[in-house]
Amino acid sequence: MKRRNFIALIGSASVWPLVAHAQQSAMPVIGFLDSRSLDAVTAGRLRAFRQGLKETAYVEGENVAIEYRWAENQMERLPALAAELVHRRVTVIAVSGGFVVTFAAKAATTSIPIVFGVPEDPVRLGLVASLARPGGNLTGVNFLNLELVAKGLEILRELVPVATRVAVLVNPANATNVETTLSAAETATRATGLQMQVLKASTNLEINAAFATLVRERSDALFVGQDPFFNSRRIQLANMAARHVIPMSSVSRDIAEAGGLMSYGTNILDVYRQMGVYAGRILKGVKPQDLPVVQSSKFELVINQQTARMLGLTVPDKLLVAADEVIE
């Protein structure tokens, strides 16, 4: 090989890594902060989030990178994890897994755009100025699950017509959820003539203790309040409900899929898809204050027919017809 060609080859070999590094450095980075762990449920949420990104022409690993932070249900870790993403100088932060995550990200930065998914009015929570004009650096999706508590209890009563007493399980570590859930549940149970028993749990042992109380006080059914912690403990909840032969309902289809009797709530995968769309639009230069908060309009009724049979319940035909999914 001639000396001139050899030098040219060496020169090009040294330049290519620099070019590749520059291209990688130029790739925008999304921070994804979740209060839970990566499991089958959160993996499904991520697929929907990536689908939303794809709809805006972003594909992870090709033209966008995602930095993940999982708190593994240890809420005290969230401020530090949010601070890590801010220090990483991500372009946008997507928050998942409850109010606490959103507030942790909000406290960490006033400049990096934040895309949230919350089950209650973000205006009342102080996250945005209004739904139409959020202001500040936050926007996202209000998926209304807490507002659907009354409807879920109404359907549960149809499935268990002999019920006179229903227990409502809430997580005391999530005060905002507790207040809204119990207020809606109290109104619904009063309207249907049910007595309401309040149970609280924020650990695995407390879930077991709550079921012991439920059985001792002879509640006829259980309604599990909206909470990321309960979603992460869906197998435990389903096993306990089966062991004690308790009809269990929730706003989360994940709990119904795990063995609960039914769920009525927002199509959560569509929420994450919309979060991905908003993250992609922000990457393209749209400011969060110019993206109105989306209110979910897709709701789904899931009935676990297998669980109903185990409980000796007959699901009314009108509910089977109305259900978006019947698990056989």
Protein backbone atom coordinates (compact mmCIF):
# COMPACT_ATOMS: atom_id res chain seq x y z
CA MET A 1 0.00 0.00 0.00
CA LYS A 2 1.35 3.43 -0.89
CA ARG A 3 2.29 5.64 2.03
CA ARG A 4 -0.19 8.37 0.96
CA ASN A 5 -3.12 5.90 0.81
CA PHE A 6 -2.13 4.38 4.15
CA ILE A 7 -2.12 7.80 5.83
CA ALA A 8 -5.52 8.58 4.30
CA LEU A 9 -6.90 5.29 5.57
CA ILE A 10 -5.58 5.88 9.09
CA GLY A 11 -6.98 9.40 9.03
CA SER A 12 -10.44 8.25 7.98
CA ALA A 13 -10.43 5.53 10.64
CA SER A 14 -9.71 8.10 13.33
CA VAL A 15 -12.39 10.47 12.06
CA TRP A 16 -15.28 7.97 11.93
CA PRO A 17 -15.42 7.35 15.71
CA LEU A 18 -15.51 11.10 16.23
CA VAL A 19 -18.36 11.46 13.75
CA ALA A 20 -20.27 8.59 15.35
CA HIS A 21 -19.74 10.09 18.79
CA ALA A 22 -20.95 13.48 17.58
CA GLN A 23 -24.07 11.91 16.08
CA GLN A 24 -24.74 10.03 19.31
CA SER A 25 -24.23 13.18 21.36
CA ALA A 26 -26.67 15.06 19.15
CA MET A 27 -29.40 12.45 19.71
CA PRO A 28 -32.11 13.87 22.03
CA VAL A 29 -32.63 12.09 25.33
CA ILE A 30 -35.94 11.46 27.11
CA GLY A 31 -35.92 10.82 30.84
CA PHE A 32 -38.49 8.23 31.93
CA LEU A 33 -39.20 8.29 35.67
CA ASP A 34 -41.46 5.65 37.26
CA SER A 35 -42.29 4.91 40.88
CA ARG A 36 -42.49 1.16 40.22
CA SER A 37 -40.18 -1.57 38.90
CA LEU A 38 -39.85 -2.83 35.35
CA ASP A 39 -42.21 -5.81 35.06
CA ALA A 40 -44.80 -7.18 32.63
CA VAL A 41 -47.23 -4.32 33.33
CA THR A 42 -44.76 -1.44 33.09
CA ALA A 43 -43.18 -3.07 30.02
CA GLY A 44 -46.58 -2.91 28.34
CA ARG A 45 -46.88 0.76 29.24
CA LEU A 46 -43.45 1.38 27.74
CA ARG A 47 -44.43 -0.27 24.48
CA ALA A 48 -47.42 2.06 24.24
CA PHE A 49 -45.18 5.06 25.06
CA ARG A 50 -42.75 4.05 22.33
CA GLN A 51 -45.66 3.66 19.92
CA GLY A 52 -46.62 7.27 20.60
CA LEU A 53 -43.04 8.33 19.94
CA LYS A 54 -43.08 6.37 16.69
CA GLU A 55 -46.19 8.26 15.60
CA THR A 56 -44.08 11.42 15.78
CA ALA A 57 -41.20 9.76 13.88
CA TYR A 58 -38.99 8.94 16.88
CA VAL A 59 -37.63 5.44 17.46
CA GLU A 60 -35.60 4.58 20.54
CA GLY A 61 -31.99 3.79 19.65
CA GLU A 62 -32.28 5.28 16.16
CA ASN A 63 -32.99 8.97 16.63
CA VAL A 64 -33.84 9.26 20.33
CA ALA A 65 -32.43 7.76 23.53
CA ILE A 66 -34.35 7.07 26.73
CA GLU A 67 -32.83 7.19 30.20
CA TYR A 68 -34.88 5.08 32.64
CA ARG A 69 -35.16 5.57 36.39
CA TRP A 70 -37.20 3.09 38.48
CA ALA A 71 -37.96 3.85 42.14
CA GLU A 72 -39.08 0.24 42.84
CA ASN A 73 -41.97 1.49 45.02
CA GLN A 74 -39.56 3.38 47.27
CA MET A 75 -41.09 6.83 47.01
CA GLU A 76 -38.32 8.47 49.01
CA ARG A 77 -35.94 7.76 46.09
CA LEU A 78 -37.93 9.84 43.60
CA PRO A 79 -36.39 13.29 44.31
CA ALA A 80 -32.86 11.92 43.81
CA LEU A 81 -33.84 10.04 40.65
CA ALA A 82 -35.51 13.16 39.23
CA ALA A 83 -32.39 15.17 40.07
CA GLU A 84 -30.27 12.61 38.17
CA LEU A 85 -32.32 13.15 35.02
CA VAL A 86 -32.05 16.91 35.37
CA HIS A 87 -28.28 16.61 35.81
CA ARG A 88 -28.22 14.39 32.72
CA ARG A 89 -29.80 17.36 30.88
CA VAL A 90 -32.49 15.31 29.21
CA THR A 91 -34.68 17.10 26.67
CA VAL A 92 -37.98 16.06 28.24
CA ILE A 93 -39.05 14.00 31.26
CA ALA A 94 -41.97 11.56 31.09
CA VAL A 95 -43.33 10.67 34.53
CA SER A 96 -45.29 7.54 35.35
CA GLY A 97 -46.71 5.88 38.43
CA GLY A 98 -48.73 8.43 40.37
CA PHE A 99 -48.91 11.97 41.67
CA VAL A 100 -45.77 11.66 43.78
CA VAL A 101 -43.62 11.08 40.68
CA THR A 102 -45.03 14.15 38.95
CA PHE A 103 -44.47 16.36 41.98
CA ALA A 104 -40.90 15.05 42.36
CA ALA A 105 -40.10 15.96 38.76
CA LYS A 106 -41.84 19.33 39.10
CA ALA A 107 -39.73 20.14 42.17
CA ALA A 108 -36.53 19.13 40.35
CA THR A 109 -36.86 21.48 37.36
CA THR A 110 -38.77 24.50 36.12
CA SER A 111 -37.16 24.48 32.68
CA ILE A 112 -37.11 20.90 31.34
CA PRO A 113 -40.54 19.96 29.88
CA ILE A 114 -42.43 17.31 31.83
CA VAL A 115 -45.12 15.03 30.37
CA PHE A 116 -47.41 13.42 32.95
CA GLY A 117 -50.31 11.00 33.19
CA VAL A 118 -52.45 11.61 36.30
CA PRO A 119 -55.83 10.18 37.37
CA GLU A 120 -57.23 13.44 38.74
CA ASP A 121 -57.72 17.05 37.67
CA PRO A 122 -54.18 18.48 37.26
CA VAL A 123 -55.54 22.01 37.72
CA ARG A 124 -56.87 21.16 41.18
CA LEU A 125 -53.53 19.53 41.97
CA GLY A 126 -51.68 22.72 41.00
CA LEU A 127 -49.72 21.06 38.20
CA VAL A 128 -51.05 23.32 35.43
CA ALA A 129 -52.84 26.66 35.21
CA SER A 130 -55.64 25.28 33.03
CA LEU A 131 -56.31 22.31 30.79
CA ALA A 132 -56.35 24.42 27.63
CA ARG A 133 -53.31 26.54 28.51
CA PRO A 134 -51.14 24.60 30.97
CA GLY A 135 -48.47 27.29 31.43
CA GLY A 136 -45.10 26.43 32.94
CA ASN A 137 -43.18 23.32 31.90
CA LEU A 138 -45.79 20.59 32.49
CA THR A 139 -48.50 19.03 30.34
CA GLY A 140 -49.85 15.55 29.71
CA VAL A 141 -52.90 13.36 30.16
CA ASN A 142 -55.66 13.34 32.76
CA PHE A 143 -56.94 9.76 32.66
CA LEU A 144 -59.95 10.24 34.95
CA ASN A 145 -59.78 6.90 36.77
CA LEU A 146 -60.69 8.43 40.10
CA GLU A 147 -63.82 9.93 38.57
CA LEU A 148 -64.83 6.40 37.47
CA VAL A 149 -64.94 4.97 40.99
CA ALA A 150 -68.73 5.41 41.29
CA LYS A 151 -69.39 3.59 38.00
CA GLY A 152 -67.08 0.76 38.99
CA LEU A 153 -68.92 0.27 42.28
CA GLU A 154 -72.24 0.36 40.46
CA ILE A 155 -71.12 -2.47 38.14
CA LEU A 156 -69.72 -4.43 41.09
CA ARG A 157 -73.14 -4.26 42.74
CA GLU A 158 -74.71 -5.66 39.56
CA LEU A 159 -72.25 -8.55 39.61
CA VAL A 160 -72.81 -9.22 43.33
CA PRO A 161 -76.47 -8.28 43.87
CA VAL A 162 -76.61 -9.88 47.34
CA ALA A 163 -73.81 -7.64 48.65
CA THR A 164 -74.74 -5.31 51.49
CA ARG A 165 -71.26 -4.29 52.64
CA VAL A 166 -68.28 -3.40 50.45
CA ALA A 167 -64.71 -2.73 51.58
CA VAL A 168 -62.68 -0.02 49.83
CA LEU A 169 -58.89 -0.46 49.91
CA VAL A 170 -56.77 2.70 49.72
CA ASN A 171 -53.09 3.53 50.14
CA PRO A 172 -52.61 6.07 53.00
CA ALA A 173 -49.23 7.04 51.53
CA ASN A 174 -51.13 8.64 48.63
CA ALA A 175 -53.33 11.17 50.43
CA THR A 176 -54.71 12.80 47.27
CA ASN A 177 -55.95 9.49 45.91
CA VAL A 178 -57.44 8.50 49.25
CA GLU A 179 -59.49 11.67 49.56
CA THR A 180 -60.94 11.48 46.06
CA THR A 181 -61.51 7.71 46.09
CA LEU A 182 -63.31 7.68 49.42
CA SER A 183 -65.43 10.70 48.54
CA ALA A 184 -66.60 9.06 45.29
CA ALA A 185 -67.05 5.67 46.96
CA GLU A 186 -69.11 7.12 49.79
CA THR A 187 -71.44 8.84 47.32
CA ALA A 188 -71.79 5.66 45.25
CA THR A 189 -72.40 3.31 48.17
CA ARG A 190 -74.98 5.66 49.63
CA ALA A 191 -76.81 5.77 46.30
CA THR A 192 -76.83 1.96 46.00
CA GLY A 193 -77.68 1.26 49.64
CA LEU A 194 -74.34 -0.37 50.43
CA GLN A 195 -72.42 0.00 53.66
CA MET A 196 -68.77 0.99 53.19
CA GLN A 197 -65.77 -0.27 55.11
CA VAL A 198 -62.44 1.55 54.63
CA LEU A 199 -59.23 -0.49 54.59
CA LYS A 200 -55.72 0.95 54.31
CA ALA A 201 -52.47 -0.60 53.15
CA SER A 202 -49.13 0.69 51.91
CA THR A 203 -47.01 -2.45 52.39
CA ASN A 204 -47.33 -6.14 51.56
CA LEU A 205 -47.95 -7.03 55.21
CA GLU A 206 -50.64 -4.36 55.48
CA ILE A 207 -52.42 -5.86 52.45
CA ASN A 208 -52.56 -9.19 54.27
CA ALA A 209 -53.81 -7.46 57.42
CA ALA A 210 -56.47 -5.62 55.40
CA PHE A 211 -57.83 -8.92 54.07
CA ALA A 212 -57.87 -10.35 57.59
CA THR A 213 -59.97 -7.37 58.70
CA LEU A 214 -62.23 -7.68 55.67
CA VAL A 215 -62.95 -11.33 56.45
CA ARG A 216 -63.40 -10.72 60.17
CA GLU A 217 -65.91 -7.93 59.57
CA ARG A 218 -67.64 -9.92 56.81
CA SER A 219 -67.60 -7.53 53.89
CA ASP A 220 -69.20 -9.00 50.80
CA ALA A 221 -66.90 -7.47 48.18
CA LEU A 222 -63.71 -5.44 47.79
CA PHE A 223 -63.04 -2.38 45.66
CA VAL A 224 -59.32 -1.62 45.20
CA GLY A 225 -58.59 2.09 44.85
CA GLN A 226 -56.45 3.58 42.10
CA ASP A 227 -52.80 3.37 43.12
CA PRO A 228 -49.54 2.30 41.43
CA PHE A 229 -48.57 0.30 44.53
CA PHE A 230 -51.70 -1.85 44.29
CA ASN A 231 -50.99 -2.45 40.61
CA SER A 232 -47.52 -3.67 41.51
CA ARG A 233 -49.08 -6.05 44.09
CA ARG A 234 -51.84 -7.30 41.77
CA ILE A 235 -50.82 -10.99 42.11
CA GLN A 236 -50.86 -10.78 45.90
CA LEU A 237 -54.27 -9.07 45.83
CA ALA A 238 -55.70 -11.68 43.44
CA ASN A 239 -54.34 -14.57 45.50
CA MET A 240 -55.76 -13.15 48.72
CA ALA A 241 -59.15 -12.50 47.12
CA ALA A 242 -59.25 -16.06 45.76
CA ARG A 243 -58.20 -17.56 49.09
CA HIS A 244 -60.98 -15.76 50.96
CA VAL A 245 -63.52 -16.03 48.09
CA ILE A 246 -63.95 -12.25 47.84
CA PRO A 247 -65.30 -10.57 44.68
CA MET A 248 -62.71 -7.89 43.90
CA SER A 249 -63.09 -4.91 41.59
CA SER A 250 -60.79 -2.07 40.52
CA VAL A 251 -60.31 0.70 37.98
CA SER A 252 -57.20 -1.14 36.74
CA ARG A 253 -57.49 -3.88 34.13
CA ASP A 254 -54.14 -5.23 35.39
CA ILE A 255 -55.86 -6.37 38.60
CA ALA A 256 -58.71 -7.99 36.66
CA GLU A 257 -56.20 -9.79 34.42
CA ALA A 258 -54.38 -11.05 37.52
CA GLY A 259 -57.58 -12.65 38.86
CA GLY A 260 -59.84 -9.86 40.09
CA LEU A 261 -63.54 -10.11 39.21
CA MET A 262 -63.78 -6.99 37.06
CA SER A 263 -62.41 -3.54 36.31
CA TYR A 264 -63.81 -0.37 34.86
CA GLY A 265 -61.39 2.39 33.98
CA THR A 266 -59.47 4.30 31.37
CA ASN A 267 -57.67 2.46 28.58
CA ILE A 268 -54.29 3.02 30.18
CA LEU A 269 -52.24 1.95 27.16
CA ASP A 270 -53.83 4.77 25.18
CA VAL A 271 -52.75 7.16 27.95
CA TYR A 272 -49.12 6.11 27.55
CA ARG A 273 -49.37 6.29 23.77
CA GLN A 274 -50.58 9.88 24.08
CA MET A 275 -47.74 10.65 26.51
CA GLY A 276 -45.32 9.36 23.87
CA VAL A 277 -46.95 11.57 21.23
CA TYR A 278 -46.56 14.63 23.46
CA ALA A 279 -42.93 13.77 24.27
CA GLY A 280 -42.24 13.48 20.53
CA ARG A 281 -43.93 16.79 19.78
CA ILE A 282 -41.83 18.48 22.44
CA LEU A 283 -38.69 16.98 20.89
CA LYS A 284 -39.78 18.62 17.64
CA GLY A 285 -39.83 22.01 19.36
CA VAL A 286 -43.40 22.46 20.59
CA LYS A 287 -43.49 24.08 24.03
CA PRO A 288 -45.41 22.25 26.81
CA GLN A 289 -47.51 25.35 27.52
CA ASP A 290 -48.81 25.10 23.96
CA LEU A 291 -49.98 21.49 24.38
CA PRO A 292 -53.40 21.32 26.09
CA VAL A 293 -53.84 18.63 28.73
CA VAL A 294 -55.60 15.65 27.12
CA GLN A 295 -58.58 14.16 28.93
CA SER A 296 -59.02 10.46 28.28
CA SER A 297 -62.07 9.42 26.30
CA LYS A 298 -61.41 5.67 25.98
CA PHE A 299 -62.81 3.60 28.85
CA GLU A 300 -63.02 -0.17 29.17
CA LEU A 301 -64.95 -2.75 31.15
CA VAL A 302 -63.06 -5.99 31.75
CA ILE A 303 -64.82 -8.98 33.31
CA ASN A 304 -62.95 -12.06 34.47
CA GLN A 305 -65.46 -14.81 33.72
CA GLN A 306 -63.14 -17.46 35.11
CA THR A 307 -63.08 -15.69 38.47
CA ALA A 308 -66.85 -15.20 38.39
CA ARG A 309 -67.34 -18.96 37.98
CA MET A 310 -64.94 -19.65 40.85
CA LEU A 311 -66.99 -17.30 43.04
CA GLY A 312 -70.22 -18.92 41.98
CA LEU A 313 -71.46 -15.72 40.32
CA THR A 314 -73.50 -15.44 37.14
CA VAL A 315 -72.51 -12.43 35.06
CA PRO A 316 -75.62 -10.71 33.65
CA ASP A 317 -75.87 -10.93 29.87
CA LYS A 318 -76.05 -7.15 29.54
CA LEU A 319 -72.64 -6.83 31.22
CA LEU A 320 -71.11 -9.55 29.04
CA VAL A 321 -72.36 -7.68 25.98
CA ALA A 322 -71.15 -4.32 27.30
CA ALA A 323 -67.71 -5.63 28.31
CA ASP A 324 -64.73 -4.61 26.19
CA GLU A 325 -63.05 -7.85 27.19
CA VAL A 326 -64.24 -11.04 28.88
CA ILE A 327 -61.44 -13.16 30.31
CA GLU A 328 -62.32 -16.84 29.94
